[in-house]
């Protein structure tokens, strides 16, 4: 007989969400510091500012999006690893 899943948010899911959120915050701060060091100015946050070029805005969005998603992937995998079944295990 198949096991029924309980409704609601599991503690593992909550931990993964909190860890991924914290990682995203840290990664964003680190990238902003790196951007400032490399380019000599703050990353583009206000897109209505006429000084922000299209290249800067797209570059920052791509760098931030890819890096944060990679960090989230590894954090969620690390937190969820104990709950994942091994390859070849029957459920």
PDB file of N, CA and C in Angstrom:
ATOM      1  N   UNK A   1       0.836  -1.169   0.000  1.00  0.00           N
ATOM      2  CA  UNK A   1       0.000   0.000   0.000  1.00  0.00           C
ATOM      3  C   UNK A   1       0.888   1.241   0.000  1.00  0.00           C
ATOM      4  N   UNK A   2       0.538   2.217  -0.777  1.00  0.00           N
ATOM      5  CA  UNK A   2       1.339   3.438  -0.876  1.00  0.00           C
ATOM      6  C   UNK A   2       1.100   4.319   0.344  1.00  0.00           C
ATOM      7  N   UNK A   3       2.170   4.959   0.779  1.00  0.00           N
ATOM      8  CA  UNK A   3       2.061   5.876   1.910  1.00  0.00           C
ATOM      9  C   UNK A   3       1.448   7.181   1.448  1.00  0.00           C
ATOM     10  N   UNK A   4       0.580   7.725   2.266  1.00  0.00           N
ATOM     11  CA  UNK A   4      -0.028   9.013   1.944  1.00  0.00           C
ATOM     12  C   UNK A   4       0.859  10.124   2.468  1.00  0.00           C
ATOM     13  N   UNK A   5       0.998  11.175   1.680  1.00  0.00           N
ATOM     14  CA  UNK A   5       1.771  12.329   2.111  1.00  0.00           C
ATOM     15  C   UNK A   5       0.881  13.230   2.946  1.00  0.00           C
ATOM     16  N   UNK A   6       1.457  13.760   3.995  1.00  0.00           N
ATOM     17  CA  UNK A   6       0.719  14.701   4.828  1.00  0.00           C
ATOM     18  C   UNK A   6       0.655  16.041   4.128  1.00  0.00           C
ATOM     19  N   UNK A   7      -0.434  16.737   4.295  1.00  0.00           N
ATOM     20  CA  UNK A   7      -0.573  18.068   3.723  1.00  0.00           C
ATOM     21  C   UNK A   7       0.241  19.071   4.511  1.00  0.00           C
ATOM     22  N   UNK A   8       0.473  20.203   3.936  1.00  0.00           N
ATOM     23  CA  UNK A   8       1.198  21.249   4.645  1.00  0.00           C
ATOM     24  C   UNK A   8       2.673  21.255   4.308  1.00  0.00           C
ATOM     25  N   UNK A   9       3.381  22.164   4.951  1.00  0.00           N
ATOM     26  CA  UNK A   9       4.796  22.369   4.699  1.00  0.00           C
ATOM     27  C   UNK A   9       5.611  21.491   5.637  1.00  0.00           C
ATOM     28  N   UNK A  10       6.479  20.679   5.082  1.00  0.00           N
ATOM     29  CA  UNK A  10       7.314  19.818   5.909  1.00  0.00           C
ATOM     30  C   UNK A  10       8.460  20.625   6.484  1.00  0.00           C
ATOM     31  N   UNK A  11       9.067  20.109   7.548  1.00  0.00           N
ATOM     32  CA  UNK A  11      10.186  20.823   8.160  1.00  0.00           C
ATOM     33  C   UNK A  11      11.380  20.869   7.220  1.00  0.00           C
ATOM     34  N   UNK A  12      11.568  19.819   6.399  1.00  0.00           N
ATOM     35  CA  UNK A  12      12.654  19.823   5.422  1.00  0.00           C
ATOM     36  C   UNK A  12      12.445  20.888   4.362  1.00  0.00           C
ATOM     37  N   UNK A  13      11.202  21.047   3.937  1.00  0.00           N
ATOM     38  CA  UNK A  13      10.896  22.077   2.944  1.00  0.00           C
ATOM     39  C   UNK A  13      11.091  23.472   3.503  1.00  0.00           C
ATOM     40  N   UNK A  14      10.748  23.646   4.770  1.00  0.00           N
ATOM     41  CA  UNK A  14      10.918  24.938   5.420  1.00  0.00           C
ATOM     42  C   UNK A  14      12.395  25.267   5.574  1.00  0.00           C
ATOM     43  N   UNK A  15      13.179  24.284   5.980  1.00  0.00           N
ATOM     44  CA  UNK A  15      14.620  24.496   6.137  1.00  0.00           C
ATOM     45  C   UNK A  15      15.250  24.819   4.787  1.00  0.00           C
ATOM     46  N   UNK A  16      14.862  24.099   3.747  1.00  0.00           N
ATOM     47  CA  UNK A  16      15.402  24.351   2.408  1.00  0.00           C
ATOM     48  C   UNK A  16      15.040  25.751   1.929  1.00  0.00           C
ATOM     49  N   UNK A  17      13.822  26.170   2.180  1.00  0.00           N
ATOM     50  CA  UNK A  17      13.384  27.501   1.770  1.00  0.00           C
ATOM     51  C   UNK A  17      14.154  28.592   2.503  1.00  0.00           C
ATOM     52  N   UNK A  18      14.299  28.432   3.810  1.00  0.00           N
ATOM     53  CA  UNK A  18      15.043  29.420   4.598  1.00  0.00           C
ATOM     54  C   UNK A  18      16.514  29.459   4.195  1.00  0.00           C
ATOM     55  N   UNK A  19      17.116  28.306   3.985  1.00  0.00           N
ATOM     56  CA  UNK A  19      18.519  28.250   3.583  1.00  0.00           C
ATOM     57  C   UNK A  19      18.727  28.863   2.202  1.00  0.00           C
ATOM     58  N   UNK A  20      17.819  28.589   1.282  1.00  0.00           N
ATOM     59  CA  UNK A  20      17.927  29.149  -0.072  1.00  0.00           C
ATOM     60  C   UNK A  20      17.740  30.661  -0.048  1.00  0.00           C
ATOM     61  N   UNK A  21      16.850  31.155   0.788  1.00  0.00           N
ATOM     62  CA  UNK A  21      16.639  32.592   0.904  1.00  0.00           C
ATOM     63  C   UNK A  21      17.869  33.277   1.484  1.00  0.00           C
ATOM     64  N   UNK A  22      18.446  32.681   2.514  1.00  0.00           N
ATOM     65  CA  UNK A  22      19.662  33.236   3.108  1.00  0.00           C
ATOM     66  C   UNK A  22      20.813  33.213   2.105  1.00  0.00           C
ATOM     67  N   UNK A  23      20.934  32.124   1.358  1.00  0.00           N
ATOM     68  CA  UNK A  23      21.993  32.029   0.355  1.00  0.00           C
ATOM     69  C   UNK A  23      21.816  33.085  -0.731  1.00  0.00           C
ATOM     70  N   UNK A  24      20.586  33.308  -1.152  1.00  0.00           N
ATOM     71  CA  UNK A  24      20.319  34.323  -2.179  1.00  0.00           C
ATOM     72  C   UNK A  24      20.722  35.713  -1.679  1.00  0.00           C
ATOM     73  N   UNK A  25      20.437  36.005  -0.419  1.00  0.00           N
ATOM     74  CA  UNK A  25      20.801  37.291   0.168  1.00  0.00           C
ATOM     75  C   UNK A  25      22.321  37.462   0.194  1.00  0.00           C
ATOM     76  N   UNK A  26      23.029  36.429   0.644  1.00  0.00           N
ATOM     77  CA  UNK A  26      24.488  36.488   0.738  1.00  0.00           C
ATOM     78  C   UNK A  26      25.116  36.599  -0.648  1.00  0.00           C
ATOM     79  N   UNK A  27      24.627  35.815  -1.588  1.00  0.00           N
ATOM     80  CA  UNK A  27      25.160  35.849  -2.957  1.00  0.00           C
ATOM     81  C   UNK A  27      24.941  37.220  -3.579  1.00  0.00           C
ATOM     82  N   UNK A  28      23.770  37.790  -3.366  1.00  0.00           N
ATOM     83  CA  UNK A  28      23.487  39.115  -3.934  1.00  0.00           C
ATOM     84  C   UNK A  28      24.429  40.173  -3.368  1.00  0.00           C
ATOM     85  N   UNK A  29      24.681  40.125  -2.060  1.00  0.00           N
ATOM     86  CA  UNK A  29      25.597  41.085  -1.438  1.00  0.00           C
ATOM     87  C   UNK A  29      27.013  40.898  -1.969  1.00  0.00           C
ATOM     88  N   UNK A  30      27.447  39.641  -2.109  1.00  0.00           N
ATOM     89  CA  UNK A  30      28.793  39.362  -2.612  1.00  0.00           C
ATOM     90  C   UNK A  30      28.940  39.813  -4.064  1.00  0.00           C
ATOM     91  N   UNK A  31      27.930  39.554  -4.885  1.00  0.00           N
ATOM     92  CA  UNK A  31      27.982  39.986  -6.280  1.00  0.00           C
ATOM     93  C   UNK A  31      27.989  41.504  -6.397  1.00  0.00           C
ATOM     94  N   UNK A  32      27.219  42.177  -5.565  1.00  0.00           N
ATOM     95  CA  UNK A  32      27.191  43.641  -5.594  1.00  0.00           C
ATOM     96  C   UNK A  32      28.560  44.204  -5.223  1.00  0.00           C
ATOM     97  N   UNK A  33      29.206  43.598  -4.233  1.00  0.00           N
ATOM     98  CA  UNK A  33      30.548  44.048  -3.845  1.00  0.00           C
ATOM     99  C   UNK A  33      31.544  43.795  -4.973  1.00  0.00           C
ATOM    100  N   UNK A  34      31.454  42.639  -5.601  1.00  0.00           N
ATOM    101  CA  UNK A  34      32.335  42.332  -6.721  1.00  0.00           C
ATOM    102  C   UNK A  34      32.107  43.251  -7.908  1.00  0.00           C
ATOM    103  N   UNK A  35      30.843  43.524  -8.218  1.00  0.00           N
ATOM    104  CA  UNK A  35      30.495  44.415  -9.328  1.00  0.00           C
ATOM    105  C   UNK A  35      31.093  45.797  -9.078  1.00  0.00           C
ATOM    106  N   UNK A  36      30.950  46.286  -7.840  1.00  0.00           N
ATOM    107  CA  UNK A  36      31.464  47.603  -7.491  1.00  0.00           C
ATOM    108  C   UNK A  36      32.984  47.642  -7.630  1.00  0.00           C
ATOM    109  N   UNK A  37      33.631  46.567  -7.215  1.00  0.00           N
ATOM    110  CA  UNK A  37      35.093  46.522  -7.301  1.00  0.00           C
ATOM    111  C   UNK A  37      35.562  46.477  -8.755  1.00  0.00           C
ATOM    112  N   UNK A  38      34.892  45.699  -9.588  1.00  0.00           N
ATOM    113  CA  UNK A  38      35.307  45.552 -10.985  1.00  0.00           C
ATOM    114  C   UNK A  38      34.961  46.785 -11.810  1.00  0.00           C
ATOM    115  N   UNK A  39      33.724  47.259 -11.719  1.00  0.00           N
ATOM    116  CA  UNK A  39      33.259  48.343 -12.584  1.00  0.00           C
ATOM    117  C   UNK A  39      33.415  49.722 -11.965  1.00  0.00           C
ATOM    118  N   UNK A  40      33.672  49.795 -10.664  1.00  0.00           N
ATOM    119  CA  UNK A  40      33.878  51.088 -10.021  1.00  0.00           C
ATOM    120  C   UNK A  40      32.610  51.850  -9.692  1.00  0.00           C
ATOM    121  N   UNK A  41      31.453  51.204  -9.847  1.00  0.00           N
ATOM    122  CA  UNK A  41      30.185  51.847  -9.474  1.00  0.00           C
ATOM    123  C   UNK A  41      29.208  50.772  -9.011  1.00  0.00           C
ATOM    124  N   UNK A  42      28.163  51.233  -8.347  1.00  0.00           N
ATOM    125  CA  UNK A  42      27.160  50.309  -7.813  1.00  0.00           C
ATOM    126  C   UNK A  42      26.439  49.587  -8.946  1.00  0.00           C
ATOM    127  N   UNK A  43      25.965  48.368  -8.690  1.00  0.00           N
ATOM    128  CA  UNK A  43      25.187  47.676  -9.724  1.00  0.00           C
ATOM    129  C   UNK A  43      23.872  48.406  -9.982  1.00  0.00           C
ATOM    130  N   UNK A  44      23.319  48.257 -11.176  1.00  0.00           N
ATOM    131  CA  UNK A  44      22.091  48.990 -11.512  1.00  0.00           C
ATOM    132  C   UNK A  44      20.885  48.452 -10.750  1.00  0.00           C
ATOM    133  N   UNK A  45      20.382  49.240  -9.823  1.00  0.00           N
ATOM    134  CA  UNK A  45      19.199  48.853  -9.048  1.00  0.00           C
ATOM    135  C   UNK A  45      17.969  49.639  -9.496  1.00  0.00           C
ATOM    136  N   UNK A  46      18.170  50.891  -9.851  1.00  0.00           N
ATOM    137  CA  UNK A  46      17.066  51.751 -10.276  1.00  0.00           C
ATOM    138  C   UNK A  46      17.066  51.829 -11.804  1.00  0.00           C
ATOM    139  N   UNK A  47      16.181  51.080 -12.430  1.00  0.00           N
ATOM    140  CA  UNK A  47      16.160  51.027 -13.885  1.00  0.00           C
ATOM    141  C   UNK A  47      15.574  52.282 -14.523  1.00  0.00           C
ATOM    142  N   UNK A  48      14.991  53.164 -13.721  1.00  0.00           N
ATOM    143  CA  UNK A  48      14.484  54.423 -14.267  1.00  0.00           C
ATOM    144  C   UNK A  48      15.588  55.472 -14.360  1.00  0.00           C
ATOM    145  N   UNK A  49      16.750  55.185 -13.783  1.00  0.00           N
ATOM    146  CA  UNK A  49      17.888  56.101 -13.838  1.00  0.00           C
ATOM    147  C   UNK A  49      18.419  56.158 -15.270  1.00  0.00           C
ATOM    148  N   UNK A  50      18.503  57.335 -15.867  1.00  0.00           N
ATOM    149  CA  UNK A  50      18.971  57.428 -17.253  1.00  0.00           C
ATOM    150  C   UNK A  50      20.445  57.050 -17.424  1.00  0.00           C
ATOM    151  N   UNK A  51      21.202  56.994 -16.350  1.00  0.00           N
ATOM    152  CA  UNK A  51      22.616  56.622 -16.437  1.00  0.00           C
ATOM    153  C   UNK A  51      22.809  55.111 -16.614  1.00  0.00           C
ATOM    154  N   UNK A  52      21.790  54.323 -16.319  1.00  0.00           N
ATOM    155  CA  UNK A  52      21.884  52.872 -16.443  1.00  0.00           C
ATOM    156  C   UNK A  52      21.681  52.497 -17.907  1.00  0.00           C
ATOM    157  N   UNK A  53      22.696  51.835 -18.472  1.00  0.00           N
ATOM    158  CA  UNK A  53      22.596  51.421 -19.873  1.00  0.00           C
ATOM    159  C   UNK A  53      21.914  50.061 -19.969  1.00  0.00           C
ATOM    160  N   UNK A  54      21.456  49.748 -21.155  1.00  0.00           N
ATOM    161  CA  UNK A  54      20.807  48.460 -21.391  1.00  0.00           C
ATOM    162  C   UNK A  54      21.774  47.310 -21.143  1.00  0.00           C
ATOM    163  N   UNK A  55      23.011  47.475 -21.559  1.00  0.00           N
ATOM    164  CA  UNK A  55      24.025  46.436 -21.374  1.00  0.00           C
ATOM    165  C   UNK A  55      24.270  46.178 -19.890  1.00  0.00           C
ATOM    166  N   UNK A  56      24.367  47.244 -19.101  1.00  0.00           N
ATOM    167  CA  UNK A  56      24.555  47.095 -17.655  1.00  0.00           C
ATOM    168  C   UNK A  56      23.374  46.363 -17.020  1.00  0.00           C
ATOM    169  N   UNK A  57      22.174  46.772 -17.367  1.00  0.00           N
ATOM    170  CA  UNK A  57      20.979  46.173 -16.774  1.00  0.00           C
ATOM    171  C   UNK A  57      20.880  44.692 -17.121  1.00  0.00           C
ATOM    172  N   UNK A  58      21.107  44.342 -18.380  1.00  0.00           N
ATOM    173  CA  UNK A  58      21.027  42.938 -18.793  1.00  0.00           C
ATOM    174  C   UNK A  58      22.164  42.134 -18.180  1.00  0.00           C
ATOM    175  N   UNK A  59      23.356  42.699 -18.147  1.00  0.00           N
ATOM    176  CA  UNK A  59      24.497  42.010 -17.546  1.00  0.00           C
ATOM    177  C   UNK A  59      24.276  41.713 -16.075  1.00  0.00           C
ATOM    178  N   UNK A  60      23.791  42.694 -15.327  1.00  0.00           N
ATOM    179  CA  UNK A  60      23.537  42.497 -13.907  1.00  0.00           C
ATOM    180  C   UNK A  60      22.424  41.472 -13.681  1.00  0.00           C
ATOM    181  N   UNK A  61      21.358  41.565 -14.453  1.00  0.00           N
ATOM    182  CA  UNK A  61      20.243  40.628 -14.309  1.00  0.00           C
ATOM    183  C   UNK A  61      20.688  39.198 -14.611  1.00  0.00           C
ATOM    184  N   UNK A  62      21.465  39.017 -15.669  1.00  0.00           N
ATOM    185  CA  UNK A  62      21.928  37.674 -16.032  1.00  0.00           C
ATOM    186  C   UNK A  62      22.883  37.121 -14.981  1.00  0.00           C
ATOM    187  N   UNK A  63      23.838  37.934 -14.560  1.00  0.00           N
ATOM    188  CA  UNK A  63      24.804  37.493 -13.549  1.00  0.00           C
ATOM    189  C   UNK A  63      24.108  37.133 -12.243  1.00  0.00           C
ATOM    190  N   UNK A  64      23.224  37.994 -11.797  1.00  0.00           N
ATOM    191  CA  UNK A  64      22.522  37.766 -10.536  1.00  0.00           C
ATOM    192  C   UNK A  64      21.595  36.559 -10.623  1.00  0.00           C
ATOM    193  N   UNK A  65      20.822  36.475 -11.686  1.00  0.00           N
ATOM    194  CA  UNK A  65      19.865  35.380 -11.826  1.00  0.00           C
ATOM    195  C   UNK A  65      20.532  34.017 -11.888  1.00  0.00           C
ATOM    196  N   UNK A  66      21.547  33.890 -12.720  1.00  0.00           N
ATOM    197  CA  UNK A  66      22.234  32.598 -12.867  1.00  0.00           C
ATOM    198  C   UNK A  66      22.931  32.209 -11.575  1.00  0.00           C
ATOM    199  N   UNK A  67      23.645  33.145 -10.955  1.00  0.00           N
ATOM    200  CA  UNK A  67      24.389  32.833  -9.742  1.00  0.00           C
ATOM    201  C   UNK A  67      23.472  32.467  -8.583  1.00  0.00           C
ATOM    202  N   UNK A  68      22.400  33.196  -8.395  1.00  0.00           N
ATOM    203  CA  UNK A  68      21.470  32.894  -7.304  1.00  0.00           C
ATOM    204  C   UNK A  68      20.806  31.535  -7.525  1.00  0.00           C
ATOM    205  N   UNK A  69      20.419  31.226  -8.748  1.00  0.00           N
ATOM    206  CA  UNK A  69      19.782  29.934  -9.015  1.00  0.00           C
ATOM    207  C   UNK A  69      20.746  28.768  -8.820  1.00  0.00           C
ATOM    208  N   UNK A  70      22.000  28.943  -9.175  1.00  0.00           N
ATOM    209  CA  UNK A  70      22.995  27.894  -8.927  1.00  0.00           C
ATOM    210  C   UNK A  70      23.170  27.684  -7.432  1.00  0.00           C
ATOM    211  N   UNK A  71      23.256  28.764  -6.676  1.00  0.00           N
ATOM    212  CA  UNK A  71      23.394  28.649  -5.222  1.00  0.00           C
ATOM    213  C   UNK A  71      22.172  27.965  -4.613  1.00  0.00           C
ATOM    214  N   UNK A  72      20.974  28.350  -5.056  1.00  0.00           N
ATOM    215  CA  UNK A  72      19.751  27.725  -4.550  1.00  0.00           C
ATOM    216  C   UNK A  72      19.726  26.235  -4.862  1.00  0.00           C
ATOM    217  N   UNK A  73      20.158  25.863  -6.066  1.00  0.00           N
ATOM    218  CA  UNK A  73      20.184  24.462  -6.463  1.00  0.00           C
ATOM    219  C   UNK A  73      21.019  23.640  -5.492  1.00  0.00           C
ATOM    220  N   UNK A  74      22.241  24.106  -5.217  1.00  0.00           N
ATOM    221  CA  UNK A  74      23.120  23.343  -4.336  1.00  0.00           C
ATOM    222  C   UNK A  74      22.635  23.336  -2.885  1.00  0.00           C
ATOM    223  N   UNK A  75      22.067  24.442  -2.427  1.00  0.00           N
ATOM    224  CA  UNK A  75      21.542  24.490  -1.056  1.00  0.00           C
ATOM    225  C   UNK A  75      20.367  23.536  -0.907  1.00  0.00           C
ATOM    226  N   UNK A  76      19.432  23.572  -1.832  1.00  0.00           N
ATOM    227  CA  UNK A  76      18.258  22.705  -1.742  1.00  0.00           C
ATOM    228  C   UNK A  76      18.676  21.240  -1.842  1.00  0.00           C
ATOM    229  N   UNK A  77      19.614  20.930  -2.730  1.00  0.00           N
ATOM    230  CA  UNK A  77      20.113  19.558  -2.840  1.00  0.00           C
ATOM    231  C   UNK A  77      20.773  19.101  -1.542  1.00  0.00           C
ATOM    232  N   UNK A  78      21.555  19.975  -0.926  1.00  0.00           N
ATOM    233  CA  UNK A  78      22.249  19.618   0.309  1.00  0.00           C
ATOM    234  C   UNK A  78      21.263  19.370   1.454  1.00  0.00           C
ATOM    235  N   UNK A  79      20.227  20.198   1.524  1.00  0.00           N
ATOM    236  CA  UNK A  79      19.243  20.049   2.595  1.00  0.00           C
ATOM    237  C   UNK A  79      18.345  18.848   2.346  1.00  0.00           C
ATOM    238  N   UNK A  80      17.976  18.616   1.090  1.00  0.00           N
ATOM    239  CA  UNK A  80      17.031  17.549   0.768  1.00  0.00           C
ATOM    240  C   UNK A  80      17.706  16.192   0.585  1.00  0.00           C
ATOM    241  N   UNK A  81      19.027  16.137   0.525  1.00  0.00           N
ATOM    242  CA  UNK A  81      19.721  14.892   0.245  1.00  0.00           C
ATOM    243  C   UNK A  81      19.335  13.746   1.184  1.00  0.00           C
ATOM    244  N   UNK A  82      19.245  13.956   2.482  1.00  0.00           N
ATOM    245  CA  UNK A  82      18.847  12.841   3.350  1.00  0.00           C
ATOM    246  C   UNK A  82      17.445  12.309   3.048  1.00  0.00           C
ATOM    247  N   UNK A  83      16.580  13.121   2.499  1.00  0.00           N
ATOM    248  CA  UNK A  83      15.202  12.705   2.234  1.00  0.00           C
ATOM    249  C   UNK A  83      15.036  12.030   0.877  1.00  0.00           C
ATOM    250  N   UNK A  84      16.031  12.174  -0.014  1.00  0.00           N
ATOM    251  CA  UNK A  84      15.927  11.596  -1.344  1.00  0.00           C
ATOM    252  C   UNK A  84      16.276  10.118  -1.315  1.00  0.00           C
ATOM    253  N   UNK A  85      15.538   9.266  -2.027  1.00  0.00           N
ATOM    254  CA  UNK A  85      15.863   7.860  -2.074  1.00  0.00           C
ATOM    255  C   UNK A  85      17.120   7.633  -2.929  1.00  0.00           C
ATOM    256  N   UNK A  86      17.874   6.591  -2.602  1.00  0.00           N
ATOM    257  CA  UNK A  86      19.049   6.239  -3.386  1.00  0.00           C
ATOM    258  C   UNK A  86      18.631   5.672  -4.712  1.00  0.00           C
ATOM    259  N   UNK A  87      19.485   5.761  -5.712  1.00  0.00           N
ATOM    260  CA  UNK A  87      19.182   5.214  -7.038  1.00  0.00           C
ATOM    261  C   UNK A  87      19.025   3.705  -6.927  1.00  0.00           C
ATOM    262  N   UNK A  88      17.980   3.168  -7.495  1.00  0.00           N
ATOM    263  CA  UNK A  88      17.734   1.729  -7.469  1.00  0.00           C
ATOM    264  C   UNK A  88      16.900   1.249  -6.299  1.00  0.00           C
ATOM    265  N   UNK A  89      16.641   2.109  -5.320  1.00  0.00           N
ATOM    266  CA  UNK A  89      15.806   1.715  -4.182  1.00  0.00           C
ATOM    267  C   UNK A  89      14.345   1.677  -4.605  1.00  0.00           C
ATOM    268  N   UNK A  90      13.677   0.647  -4.207  1.00  0.00           N
ATOM    269  CA  UNK A  90      12.242   0.541  -4.492  1.00  0.00           C
ATOM    270  C   UNK A  90      11.470   1.244  -3.384  1.00  0.00           C
ATOM    271  N   UNK A  91      10.424   1.930  -3.768  1.00  0.00           N
ATOM    272  CA  UNK A  91       9.605   2.621  -2.757  1.00  0.00           C
ATOM    273  C   UNK A  91       8.424   1.786  -2.368  1.00  0.00           C
TER     274      UNK A  91
END
